[in-house]
């Protein structure tokens, strides 16, 4: 999955800031080029992951537009705290299913 995140970034399909995988869902903070449709990029990426890994996605996804730095920081903090709220770890630095590696201890990306 990490290779595909970075591949899409290198090819300008998206500008990822944060991915965090949970046992039954994925959180991500991603920007998209203005000339592309977010739905198509996400759909194509999910199709690629499903074809090349054992991951099976549910249809669709939930998106939220972030309009300022404060909102970005709040959403990033919420995402990084998800494994703790789920009782999977006691400290966010313990969760290893995060991209980029080491972002769990940062206040923002």
PDB file of N, CA and C in Angstrom:
ATOM      1  N   UNK A   1       0.828  -1.183   0.000  1.00  0.00           N
ATOM      2  CA  UNK A   1       0.000   0.000   0.000  1.00  0.00           C
ATOM      3  C   UNK A   1       0.879   1.256   0.000  1.00  0.00           C
ATOM      4  N   UNK A   2       1.957   1.223   0.776  1.00  0.00           N
ATOM      5  CA  UNK A   2       2.846   2.382   0.855  1.00  0.00           C
ATOM      6  C   UNK A   2       3.414   2.723  -0.516  1.00  0.00           C
ATOM      7  N   UNK A   3       3.835   1.713  -1.257  1.00  0.00           N
ATOM      8  CA  UNK A   3       4.380   1.965  -2.599  1.00  0.00           C
ATOM      9  C   UNK A   3       3.354   2.662  -3.485  1.00  0.00           C
ATOM     10  N   UNK A   4       2.099   2.267  -3.391  1.00  0.00           N
ATOM     11  CA  UNK A   4       1.077   2.879  -4.232  1.00  0.00           C
ATOM     12  C   UNK A   4       0.797   4.324  -3.813  1.00  0.00           C
ATOM     13  N   UNK A   5       0.824   4.595  -2.515  1.00  0.00           N
ATOM     14  CA  UNK A   5       0.651   5.974  -2.034  1.00  0.00           C
ATOM     15  C   UNK A   5       1.750   6.857  -2.627  1.00  0.00           C
ATOM     16  N   UNK A   6       2.974   6.387  -2.527  1.00  0.00           N
ATOM     17  CA  UNK A   6       4.120   7.159  -3.008  1.00  0.00           C
ATOM     18  C   UNK A   6       4.145   7.245  -4.535  1.00  0.00           C
ATOM     19  N   UNK A   7       3.724   6.179  -5.203  1.00  0.00           N
ATOM     20  CA  UNK A   7       3.658   6.186  -6.676  1.00  0.00           C
ATOM     21  C   UNK A   7       2.668   7.253  -7.153  1.00  0.00           C
ATOM     22  N   UNK A   8       1.488   7.287  -6.555  1.00  0.00           N
ATOM     23  CA  UNK A   8       0.497   8.299  -6.930  1.00  0.00           C
ATOM     24  C   UNK A   8       1.040   9.707  -6.665  1.00  0.00           C
ATOM     25  N   UNK A   9       1.775   9.862  -5.586  1.00  0.00           N
ATOM     26  CA  UNK A   9       2.348  11.180  -5.277  1.00  0.00           C
ATOM     27  C   UNK A   9       3.412  11.568  -6.310  1.00  0.00           C
ATOM     28  N   UNK A  10       4.308  10.640  -6.621  1.00  0.00           N
ATOM     29  CA  UNK A  10       5.366  10.924  -7.610  1.00  0.00           C
ATOM     30  C   UNK A  10       4.793  11.292  -8.964  1.00  0.00           C
ATOM     31  N   UNK A  11       3.651  10.718  -9.305  1.00  0.00           N
ATOM     32  CA  UNK A  11       3.033  10.966 -10.600  1.00  0.00           C
ATOM     33  C   UNK A  11       2.030  12.109 -10.580  1.00  0.00           C
ATOM     34  N   UNK A  12       1.968  12.841  -9.474  1.00  0.00           N
ATOM     35  CA  UNK A  12       1.122  14.028  -9.389  1.00  0.00           C
ATOM     36  C   UNK A  12      -0.370  13.751  -9.374  1.00  0.00           C
ATOM     37  N   UNK A  13      -0.760  12.514  -9.046  1.00  0.00           N
ATOM     38  CA  UNK A  13      -2.192  12.202  -8.971  1.00  0.00           C
ATOM     39  C   UNK A  13      -2.800  12.729  -7.684  1.00  0.00           C
ATOM     40  N   UNK A  14      -1.991  12.848  -6.655  1.00  0.00           N
ATOM     41  CA  UNK A  14      -2.444  13.416  -5.391  1.00  0.00           C
ATOM     42  C   UNK A  14      -1.242  13.891  -4.604  1.00  0.00           C
ATOM     43  N   UNK A  15      -1.519  14.667  -3.550  1.00  0.00           N
ATOM     44  CA  UNK A  15      -0.487  15.141  -2.643  1.00  0.00           C
ATOM     45  C   UNK A  15      -0.882  14.685  -1.242  1.00  0.00           C
ATOM     46  N   UNK A  16      -0.378  13.514  -0.847  1.00  0.00           N
ATOM     47  CA  UNK A  16      -0.771  12.960   0.455  1.00  0.00           C
ATOM     48  C   UNK A  16      -0.009  13.624   1.597  1.00  0.00           C
ATOM     49  N   UNK A  17      -0.691  13.770   2.710  1.00  0.00           N
ATOM     50  CA  UNK A  17      -0.062  14.278   3.916  1.00  0.00           C
ATOM     51  C   UNK A  17      -0.069  13.237   5.019  1.00  0.00           C
ATOM     52  N   UNK A  18      -1.100  12.400   5.060  1.00  0.00           N
ATOM     53  CA  UNK A  18      -1.228  11.440   6.141  1.00  0.00           C
ATOM     54  C   UNK A  18      -2.146  10.299   5.715  1.00  0.00           C
ATOM     55  N   UNK A  19      -1.710   9.079   5.974  1.00  0.00           N
ATOM     56  CA  UNK A  19      -2.546   7.883   5.845  1.00  0.00           C
ATOM     57  C   UNK A  19      -2.429   7.126   7.152  1.00  0.00           C
ATOM     58  N   UNK A  20      -3.536   6.623   7.657  1.00  0.00           N
ATOM     59  CA  UNK A  20      -3.519   5.807   8.859  1.00  0.00           C
ATOM     60  C   UNK A  20      -4.519   4.676   8.661  1.00  0.00           C
ATOM     61  N   UNK A  21      -4.001   3.450   8.670  1.00  0.00           N
ATOM     62  CA  UNK A  21      -4.843   2.269   8.463  1.00  0.00           C
ATOM     63  C   UNK A  21      -5.305   1.727   9.802  1.00  0.00           C
ATOM     64  N   UNK A  22      -6.593   1.480   9.890  1.00  0.00           N
ATOM     65  CA  UNK A  22      -7.214   0.835  11.038  1.00  0.00           C
ATOM     66  C   UNK A  22      -7.620  -0.566  10.592  1.00  0.00           C
ATOM     67  N   UNK A  23      -7.986  -1.443  11.524  1.00  0.00           N
ATOM     68  CA  UNK A  23      -8.366  -2.805  11.114  1.00  0.00           C
ATOM     69  C   UNK A  23      -9.523  -2.863  10.111  1.00  0.00           C
ATOM     70  N   UNK A  24     -10.448  -1.893  10.187  1.00  0.00           N
ATOM     71  CA  UNK A  24     -11.596  -1.964   9.291  1.00  0.00           C
ATOM     72  C   UNK A  24     -11.842  -0.699   8.468  1.00  0.00           C
ATOM     73  N   UNK A  25     -10.902   0.243   8.499  1.00  0.00           N
ATOM     74  CA  UNK A  25     -11.043   1.440   7.677  1.00  0.00           C
ATOM     75  C   UNK A  25      -9.705   2.163   7.559  1.00  0.00           C
ATOM     76  N   UNK A  26      -9.691   3.169   6.720  1.00  0.00           N
ATOM     77  CA  UNK A  26      -8.481   3.940   6.444  1.00  0.00           C
ATOM     78  C   UNK A  26      -8.812   5.419   6.547  1.00  0.00           C
ATOM     79  N   UNK A  27      -7.920   6.173   7.188  1.00  0.00           N
ATOM     80  CA  UNK A  27      -8.035   7.631   7.220  1.00  0.00           C
ATOM     81  C   UNK A  27      -6.921   8.199   6.348  1.00  0.00           C
ATOM     82  N   UNK A  28      -7.197   9.298   5.670  1.00  0.00           N
ATOM     83  CA  UNK A  28      -6.170   9.928   4.855  1.00  0.00           C
ATOM     84  C   UNK A  28      -6.424  11.423   4.749  1.00  0.00           C
ATOM     85  N   UNK A  29      -5.347  12.164   4.691  1.00  0.00           N
ATOM     86  CA  UNK A  29      -5.396  13.592   4.371  1.00  0.00           C
ATOM     87  C   UNK A  29      -4.661  13.738   3.047  1.00  0.00           C
ATOM     88  N   UNK A  30      -5.404  14.084   2.009  1.00  0.00           N
ATOM     89  CA  UNK A  30      -4.867  14.134   0.654  1.00  0.00           C
ATOM     90  C   UNK A  30      -5.391  15.379  -0.044  1.00  0.00           C
ATOM     91  N   UNK A  31      -4.512  16.020  -0.801  1.00  0.00           N
ATOM     92  CA  UNK A  31      -4.930  17.093  -1.707  1.00  0.00           C
ATOM     93  C   UNK A  31      -4.876  16.542  -3.124  1.00  0.00           C
ATOM     94  N   UNK A  32      -5.719  17.082  -3.990  1.00  0.00           N
ATOM     95  CA  UNK A  32      -5.791  16.617  -5.368  1.00  0.00           C
ATOM     96  C   UNK A  32      -5.578  17.775  -6.326  1.00  0.00           C
ATOM     97  N   UNK A  33      -4.970  17.506  -7.483  1.00  0.00           N
ATOM     98  CA  UNK A  33      -4.852  18.567  -8.486  1.00  0.00           C
ATOM     99  C   UNK A  33      -6.244  19.075  -8.870  1.00  0.00           C
ATOM    100  N   UNK A  34      -6.384  20.363  -9.097  1.00  0.00           N
ATOM    101  CA  UNK A  34      -7.704  20.928  -9.370  1.00  0.00           C
ATOM    102  C   UNK A  34      -8.366  20.374 -10.631  1.00  0.00           C
ATOM    103  N   UNK A  35      -7.583  19.909 -11.572  1.00  0.00           N
ATOM    104  CA  UNK A  35      -8.168  19.424 -12.829  1.00  0.00           C
ATOM    105  C   UNK A  35      -8.617  17.960 -12.765  1.00  0.00           C
ATOM    106  N   UNK A  36      -8.440  17.309 -11.622  1.00  0.00           N
ATOM    107  CA  UNK A  36      -8.818  15.902 -11.512  1.00  0.00           C
ATOM    108  C   UNK A  36     -10.056  15.741 -10.638  1.00  0.00           C
ATOM    109  N   UNK A  37     -10.722  14.634 -10.825  1.00  0.00           N
ATOM    110  CA  UNK A  37     -11.879  14.307  -9.989  1.00  0.00           C
ATOM    111  C   UNK A  37     -11.404  13.402  -8.858  1.00  0.00           C
ATOM    112  N   UNK A  38     -11.576  13.854  -7.654  1.00  0.00           N
ATOM    113  CA  UNK A  38     -11.161  13.092  -6.481  1.00  0.00           C
ATOM    114  C   UNK A  38     -11.763  11.686  -6.507  1.00  0.00           C
ATOM    115  N   UNK A  39     -13.019  11.584  -6.859  1.00  0.00           N
ATOM    116  CA  UNK A  39     -13.692  10.288  -6.865  1.00  0.00           C
ATOM    117  C   UNK A  39     -12.990   9.286  -7.776  1.00  0.00           C
ATOM    118  N   UNK A  40     -12.553   9.743  -8.942  1.00  0.00           N
ATOM    119  CA  UNK A  40     -11.883   8.847  -9.884  1.00  0.00           C
ATOM    120  C   UNK A  40     -10.524   8.402  -9.352  1.00  0.00           C
ATOM    121  N   UNK A  41      -9.763   9.311  -8.812  1.00  0.00           N
ATOM    122  CA  UNK A  41      -8.436   8.959  -8.279  1.00  0.00           C
ATOM    123  C   UNK A  41      -8.584   7.943  -7.147  1.00  0.00           C
ATOM    124  N   UNK A  42      -9.481   8.209  -6.206  1.00  0.00           N
ATOM    125  CA  UNK A  42      -9.668   7.299  -5.076  1.00  0.00           C
ATOM    126  C   UNK A  42     -10.193   5.948  -5.555  1.00  0.00           C
ATOM    127  N   UNK A  43     -11.159   5.951  -6.463  1.00  0.00           N
ATOM    128  CA  UNK A  43     -11.710   4.700  -6.996  1.00  0.00           C
ATOM    129  C   UNK A  43     -10.624   3.873  -7.690  1.00  0.00           C
ATOM    130  N   UNK A  44      -9.807   4.524  -8.525  1.00  0.00           N
ATOM    131  CA  UNK A  44      -8.729   3.813  -9.229  1.00  0.00           C
ATOM    132  C   UNK A  44      -7.702   3.254  -8.244  1.00  0.00           C
ATOM    133  N   UNK A  45      -7.370   4.033  -7.222  1.00  0.00           N
ATOM    134  CA  UNK A  45      -6.392   3.573  -6.224  1.00  0.00           C
ATOM    135  C   UNK A  45      -6.941   2.379  -5.452  1.00  0.00           C
ATOM    136  N   UNK A  46      -8.184   2.471  -5.015  1.00  0.00           N
ATOM    137  CA  UNK A  46      -8.797   1.359  -4.288  1.00  0.00           C
ATOM    138  C   UNK A  46      -8.869   0.103  -5.167  1.00  0.00           C
ATOM    139  N   UNK A  47      -9.157   0.270  -6.445  1.00  0.00           N
ATOM    140  CA  UNK A  47      -9.201  -0.868  -7.368  1.00  0.00           C
ATOM    141  C   UNK A  47      -7.810  -1.509  -7.476  1.00  0.00           C
ATOM    142  N   UNK A  48      -6.778  -0.676  -7.603  1.00  0.00           N
ATOM    143  CA  UNK A  48      -5.408  -1.185  -7.683  1.00  0.00           C
ATOM    144  C   UNK A  48      -5.044  -1.964  -6.409  1.00  0.00           C
ATOM    145  N   UNK A  49      -5.332  -1.406  -5.251  1.00  0.00           N
ATOM    146  CA  UNK A  49      -5.027  -2.069  -3.973  1.00  0.00           C
ATOM    147  C   UNK A  49      -5.779  -3.398  -3.877  1.00  0.00           C
ATOM    148  N   UNK A  50      -7.043  -3.403  -4.236  1.00  0.00           N
ATOM    149  CA  UNK A  50      -7.838  -4.633  -4.160  1.00  0.00           C
ATOM    150  C   UNK A  50      -7.295  -5.711  -5.095  1.00  0.00           C
ATOM    151  N   UNK A  51      -6.777  -5.291  -6.235  1.00  0.00           N
ATOM    152  CA  UNK A  51      -6.249  -6.251  -7.209  1.00  0.00           C
ATOM    153  C   UNK A  51      -4.904  -6.837  -6.763  1.00  0.00           C
ATOM    154  N   UNK A  52      -4.124  -6.073  -6.000  1.00  0.00           N
ATOM    155  CA  UNK A  52      -2.753  -6.471  -5.674  1.00  0.00           C
ATOM    156  C   UNK A  52      -2.500  -6.832  -4.217  1.00  0.00           C
ATOM    157  N   UNK A  53      -3.525  -6.765  -3.400  1.00  0.00           N
ATOM    158  CA  UNK A  53      -3.390  -7.107  -1.978  1.00  0.00           C
ATOM    159  C   UNK A  53      -4.659  -7.838  -1.536  1.00  0.00           C
ATOM    160  N   UNK A  54      -4.665  -8.363  -0.324  1.00  0.00           N
ATOM    161  CA  UNK A  54      -5.898  -8.994   0.159  1.00  0.00           C
ATOM    162  C   UNK A  54      -6.946  -7.998   0.679  1.00  0.00           C
ATOM    163  N   UNK A  55      -6.696  -6.723   0.566  1.00  0.00           N
ATOM    164  CA  UNK A  55      -7.646  -5.704   1.045  1.00  0.00           C
ATOM    165  C   UNK A  55      -8.906  -5.737   0.186  1.00  0.00           C
ATOM    166  N   UNK A  56     -10.034  -5.712   0.856  1.00  0.00           N
ATOM    167  CA  UNK A  56     -11.325  -5.623   0.179  1.00  0.00           C
ATOM    168  C   UNK A  56     -12.043  -4.394   0.715  1.00  0.00           C
ATOM    169  N   UNK A  57     -12.306  -3.457  -0.166  1.00  0.00           N
ATOM    170  CA  UNK A  57     -12.900  -2.184   0.223  1.00  0.00           C
ATOM    171  C   UNK A  57     -14.416  -2.243   0.198  1.00  0.00           C
ATOM    172  N   UNK A  58     -15.042  -1.447   1.037  1.00  0.00           N
ATOM    173  CA  UNK A  58     -16.460  -1.220   0.879  1.00  0.00           C
ATOM    174  C   UNK A  58     -16.623  -0.163  -0.205  1.00  0.00           C
ATOM    175  N   UNK A  59     -17.795  -0.077  -0.792  1.00  0.00           N
ATOM    176  CA  UNK A  59     -18.039   0.907  -1.835  1.00  0.00           C
ATOM    177  C   UNK A  59     -18.017   2.311  -1.241  1.00  0.00           C
ATOM    178  N   UNK A  60     -17.542   3.244  -2.045  1.00  0.00           N
ATOM    179  CA  UNK A  60     -17.580   4.646  -1.680  1.00  0.00           C
ATOM    180  C   UNK A  60     -16.569   5.038  -0.623  1.00  0.00           C
ATOM    181  N   UNK A  61     -16.677   6.287  -0.198  1.00  0.00           N
ATOM    182  CA  UNK A  61     -15.828   6.835   0.845  1.00  0.00           C
ATOM    183  C   UNK A  61     -16.454   8.132   1.325  1.00  0.00           C
ATOM    184  N   UNK A  62     -15.985   8.604   2.452  1.00  0.00           N
ATOM    185  CA  UNK A  62     -16.484   9.855   3.020  1.00  0.00           C
ATOM    186  C   UNK A  62     -15.395  10.902   2.865  1.00  0.00           C
ATOM    187  N   UNK A  63     -15.731  12.044   2.306  1.00  0.00           N
ATOM    188  CA  UNK A  63     -14.738  13.107   2.167  1.00  0.00           C
ATOM    189  C   UNK A  63     -15.166  14.336   2.961  1.00  0.00           C
ATOM    190  N   UNK A  64     -14.185  15.137   3.281  1.00  0.00           N
ATOM    191  CA  UNK A  64     -14.411  16.365   4.031  1.00  0.00           C
ATOM    192  C   UNK A  64     -13.412  17.395   3.523  1.00  0.00           C
ATOM    193  N   UNK A  65     -13.876  18.539   3.144  1.00  0.00           N
ATOM    194  CA  UNK A  65     -12.971  19.597   2.668  1.00  0.00           C
ATOM    195  C   UNK A  65     -12.376  20.341   3.854  1.00  0.00           C
ATOM    196  N   UNK A  66     -11.083  20.516   3.787  1.00  0.00           N
ATOM    197  CA  UNK A  66     -10.374  21.270   4.823  1.00  0.00           C
ATOM    198  C   UNK A  66     -10.054  22.635   4.244  1.00  0.00           C
ATOM    199  N   UNK A  67     -10.470  23.655   4.945  1.00  0.00           N
ATOM    200  CA  UNK A  67     -10.383  24.997   4.391  1.00  0.00           C
ATOM    201  C   UNK A  67      -9.305  25.882   5.007  1.00  0.00           C
ATOM    202  N   UNK A  68      -8.722  25.458   6.132  1.00  0.00           N
ATOM    203  CA  UNK A  68      -7.683  26.289   6.738  1.00  0.00           C
ATOM    204  C   UNK A  68      -6.734  25.420   7.562  1.00  0.00           C
ATOM    205  N   UNK A  69      -5.640  26.017   7.991  1.00  0.00           N
ATOM    206  CA  UNK A  69      -4.613  25.272   8.740  1.00  0.00           C
ATOM    207  C   UNK A  69      -5.143  24.734  10.066  1.00  0.00           C
ATOM    208  N   UNK A  70      -5.995  25.485  10.727  1.00  0.00           N
ATOM    209  CA  UNK A  70      -6.544  25.018  11.997  1.00  0.00           C
ATOM    210  C   UNK A  70      -7.344  23.726  11.798  1.00  0.00           C
ATOM    211  N   UNK A  71      -8.171  23.701  10.782  1.00  0.00           N
ATOM    212  CA  UNK A  71      -8.961  22.508  10.481  1.00  0.00           C
ATOM    213  C   UNK A  71      -8.053  21.340  10.097  1.00  0.00           C
ATOM    214  N   UNK A  72      -7.000  21.612   9.351  1.00  0.00           N
ATOM    215  CA  UNK A  72      -6.037  20.576   8.979  1.00  0.00           C
ATOM    216  C   UNK A  72      -5.396  19.970  10.222  1.00  0.00           C
ATOM    217  N   UNK A  73      -4.973  20.808  11.137  1.00  0.00           N
ATOM    218  CA  UNK A  73      -4.345  20.330  12.374  1.00  0.00           C
ATOM    219  C   UNK A  73      -5.328  19.507  13.204  1.00  0.00           C
ATOM    220  N   UNK A  74      -6.567  19.972  13.284  1.00  0.00           N
ATOM    221  CA  UNK A  74      -7.579  19.238  14.053  1.00  0.00           C
ATOM    222  C   UNK A  74      -7.853  17.865  13.448  1.00  0.00           C
ATOM    223  N   UNK A  75      -8.011  17.800  12.132  1.00  0.00           N
ATOM    224  CA  UNK A  75      -8.277  16.517  11.472  1.00  0.00           C
ATOM    225  C   UNK A  75      -7.084  15.575  11.603  1.00  0.00           C
ATOM    226  N   UNK A  76      -5.866  16.094  11.462  1.00  0.00           N
ATOM    227  CA  UNK A  76      -4.668  15.258  11.603  1.00  0.00           C
ATOM    228  C   UNK A  76      -4.581  14.694  13.018  1.00  0.00           C
ATOM    229  N   UNK A  77      -4.859  15.508  14.021  1.00  0.00           N
ATOM    230  CA  UNK A  77      -4.821  15.037  15.410  1.00  0.00           C
ATOM    231  C   UNK A  77      -5.899  13.982  15.648  1.00  0.00           C
ATOM    232  N   UNK A  78      -7.090  14.200  15.103  1.00  0.00           N
ATOM    233  CA  UNK A  78      -8.176  13.236  15.234  1.00  0.00           C
ATOM    234  C   UNK A  78      -7.770  11.893  14.620  1.00  0.00           C
ATOM    235  N   UNK A  79      -7.206  11.936  13.431  1.00  0.00           N
ATOM    236  CA  UNK A  79      -6.782  10.712  12.750  1.00  0.00           C
ATOM    237  C   UNK A  79      -5.716   9.985  13.555  1.00  0.00           C
ATOM    238  N   UNK A  80      -4.711  10.706  14.017  1.00  0.00           N
ATOM    239  CA  UNK A  80      -3.615  10.068  14.760  1.00  0.00           C
ATOM    240  C   UNK A  80      -4.083   9.467  16.084  1.00  0.00           C
ATOM    241  N   UNK A  81      -5.159   9.989  16.655  1.00  0.00           N
ATOM    242  CA  UNK A  81      -5.677   9.461  17.921  1.00  0.00           C
ATOM    243  C   UNK A  81      -6.613   8.265  17.734  1.00  0.00           C
ATOM    244  N   UNK A  82      -6.988   7.958  16.510  1.00  0.00           N
ATOM    245  CA  UNK A  82      -7.956   6.891  16.239  1.00  0.00           C
ATOM    246  C   UNK A  82      -7.569   5.543  16.841  1.00  0.00           C
ATOM    247  N   UNK A  83      -6.320   5.085  16.726  1.00  0.00           N
ATOM    248  CA  UNK A  83      -5.970   3.789  17.329  1.00  0.00           C
ATOM    249  C   UNK A  83      -6.099   3.782  18.856  1.00  0.00           C
ATOM    250  N   UNK A  84      -5.876   4.916  19.500  1.00  0.00           N
ATOM    251  CA  UNK A  84      -6.027   5.008  20.956  1.00  0.00           C
ATOM    252  C   UNK A  84      -7.507   4.937  21.326  1.00  0.00           C
ATOM    253  N   UNK A  85      -8.336   5.716  20.628  1.00  0.00           N
ATOM    254  CA  UNK A  85      -9.774   5.688  20.898  1.00  0.00           C
ATOM    255  C   UNK A  85     -10.355   4.294  20.691  1.00  0.00           C
ATOM    256  N   UNK A  86      -9.777   3.545  19.758  1.00  0.00           N
ATOM    257  CA  UNK A  86     -10.257   2.188  19.485  1.00  0.00           C
ATOM    258  C   UNK A  86      -9.697   1.160  20.469  1.00  0.00           C
ATOM    259  N   UNK A  87      -8.804   1.594  21.371  1.00  0.00           N
ATOM    260  CA  UNK A  87      -8.224   0.686  22.354  1.00  0.00           C
ATOM    261  C   UNK A  87      -7.159  -0.241  21.799  1.00  0.00           C
ATOM    262  N   UNK A  88      -6.587   0.115  20.652  1.00  0.00           N
ATOM    263  CA  UNK A  88      -5.585  -0.738  20.018  1.00  0.00           C
ATOM    264  C   UNK A  88      -4.173  -0.485  20.545  1.00  0.00           C
ATOM    265  N   UNK A  89      -3.921   0.730  20.999  1.00  0.00           N
ATOM    266  CA  UNK A  89      -2.632   1.099  21.590  1.00  0.00           C
ATOM    267  C   UNK A  89      -2.904   2.090  22.707  1.00  0.00           C
ATOM    268  N   UNK A  90      -1.900   2.300  23.563  1.00  0.00           N
ATOM    269  CA  UNK A  90      -2.086   3.281  24.632  1.00  0.00           C
ATOM    270  C   UNK A  90      -1.458   4.626  24.292  1.00  0.00           C
ATOM    271  N   UNK A  91      -0.571   4.661  23.305  1.00  0.00           N
ATOM    272  CA  UNK A  91       0.054   5.906  22.872  1.00  0.00           C
ATOM    273  C   UNK A  91       0.154   5.895  21.356  1.00  0.00           C
ATOM    274  N   UNK A  92      -0.096   7.022  20.720  1.00  0.00           N
ATOM    275  CA  UNK A  92      -0.138   7.048  19.256  1.00  0.00           C
ATOM    276  C   UNK A  92       1.178   6.672  18.598  1.00  0.00           C
ATOM    277  N   UNK A  93       2.306   6.831  19.283  1.00  0.00           N
ATOM    278  CA  UNK A  93       3.590   6.425  18.707  1.00  0.00           C
ATOM    279  C   UNK A  93       3.712   4.912  18.567  1.00  0.00           C
ATOM    280  N   UNK A  94       2.831   4.164  19.224  1.00  0.00           N
ATOM    281  CA  UNK A  94       2.867   2.704  19.146  1.00  0.00           C
ATOM    282  C   UNK A  94       2.204   2.169  17.871  1.00  0.00           C
ATOM    283  N   UNK A  95       1.390   2.977  17.223  1.00  0.00           N
ATOM    284  CA  UNK A  95       0.668   2.515  16.034  1.00  0.00           C
ATOM    285  C   UNK A  95       1.592   2.567  14.827  1.00  0.00           C
ATOM    286  N   UNK A  96       1.800   1.447  14.174  1.00  0.00           N
ATOM    287  CA  UNK A  96       2.766   1.408  13.077  1.00  0.00           C
ATOM    288  C   UNK A  96       2.141   1.485  11.692  1.00  0.00           C
ATOM    289  N   UNK A  97       0.825   1.490  11.614  1.00  0.00           N
ATOM    290  CA  UNK A  97       0.160   1.510  10.313  1.00  0.00           C
ATOM    291  C   UNK A  97      -0.166   2.943   9.901  1.00  0.00           C
ATOM    292  N   UNK A  98       0.900   3.715   9.749  1.00  0.00           N
ATOM    293  CA  UNK A  98       0.764   5.135   9.447  1.00  0.00           C
ATOM    294  C   UNK A  98       1.799   5.517   8.390  1.00  0.00           C
ATOM    295  N   UNK A  99       1.399   6.412   7.512  1.00  0.00           N
ATOM    296  CA  UNK A  99       2.310   6.939   6.495  1.00  0.00           C
ATOM    297  C   UNK A  99       2.188   8.443   6.516  1.00  0.00           C
ATOM    298  N   UNK A 100       3.292   9.147   6.442  1.00  0.00           N
ATOM    299  CA  UNK A 100       4.662   8.639   6.461  1.00  0.00           C
ATOM    300  C   UNK A 100       5.043   8.150   7.849  1.00  0.00           C
ATOM    301  N   UNK A 101       5.971   7.237   7.886  1.00  0.00           N
ATOM    302  CA  UNK A 101       6.439   6.694   9.162  1.00  0.00           C
ATOM    303  C   UNK A 101       6.933   7.832  10.039  1.00  0.00           C
ATOM    304  N   UNK A 102       6.616   7.753  11.322  1.00  0.00           N
ATOM    305  CA  UNK A 102       7.070   8.771  12.266  1.00  0.00           C
ATOM    306  C   UNK A 102       6.131   9.953  12.419  1.00  0.00           C
ATOM    307  N   UNK A 103       5.095  10.035  11.611  1.00  0.00           N
ATOM    308  CA  UNK A 103       4.193  11.175  11.694  1.00  0.00           C
ATOM    309  C   UNK A 103       3.315  11.142  12.934  1.00  0.00           C
ATOM    310  N   UNK A 104       3.225  10.009  13.598  1.00  0.00           N
ATOM    311  CA  UNK A 104       2.343   9.887  14.756  1.00  0.00           C
ATOM    312  C   UNK A 104       2.712  10.850  15.873  1.00  0.00           C
ATOM    313  N   UNK A 105       3.979  11.181  15.999  1.00  0.00           N
ATOM    314  CA  UNK A 105       4.375  12.044  17.100  1.00  0.00           C
ATOM    315  C   UNK A 105       4.383  13.526  16.715  1.00  0.00           C
ATOM    316  N   UNK A 106       4.146  13.830  15.466  1.00  0.00           N
ATOM    317  CA  UNK A 106       4.136  15.230  15.032  1.00  0.00           C
ATOM    318  C   UNK A 106       2.790  15.867  15.317  1.00  0.00           C
ATOM    319  N   UNK A 107       2.781  17.176  15.488  1.00  0.00           N
ATOM    320  CA  UNK A 107       1.518  17.866  15.716  1.00  0.00           C
ATOM    321  C   UNK A 107       0.794  18.148  14.416  1.00  0.00           C
ATOM    322  N   UNK A 108       1.507  18.276  13.315  1.00  0.00           N
ATOM    323  CA  UNK A 108       0.878  18.482  12.003  1.00  0.00           C
ATOM    324  C   UNK A 108       1.862  18.079  10.941  1.00  0.00           C
ATOM    325  N   UNK A 109       1.333  17.890   9.801  1.00  0.00           N
ATOM    326  CA  UNK A 109       2.157  17.489   8.655  1.00  0.00           C
ATOM    327  C   UNK A 109       1.959  18.495   7.580  1.00  0.00           C
TER     328      UNK A 109
END
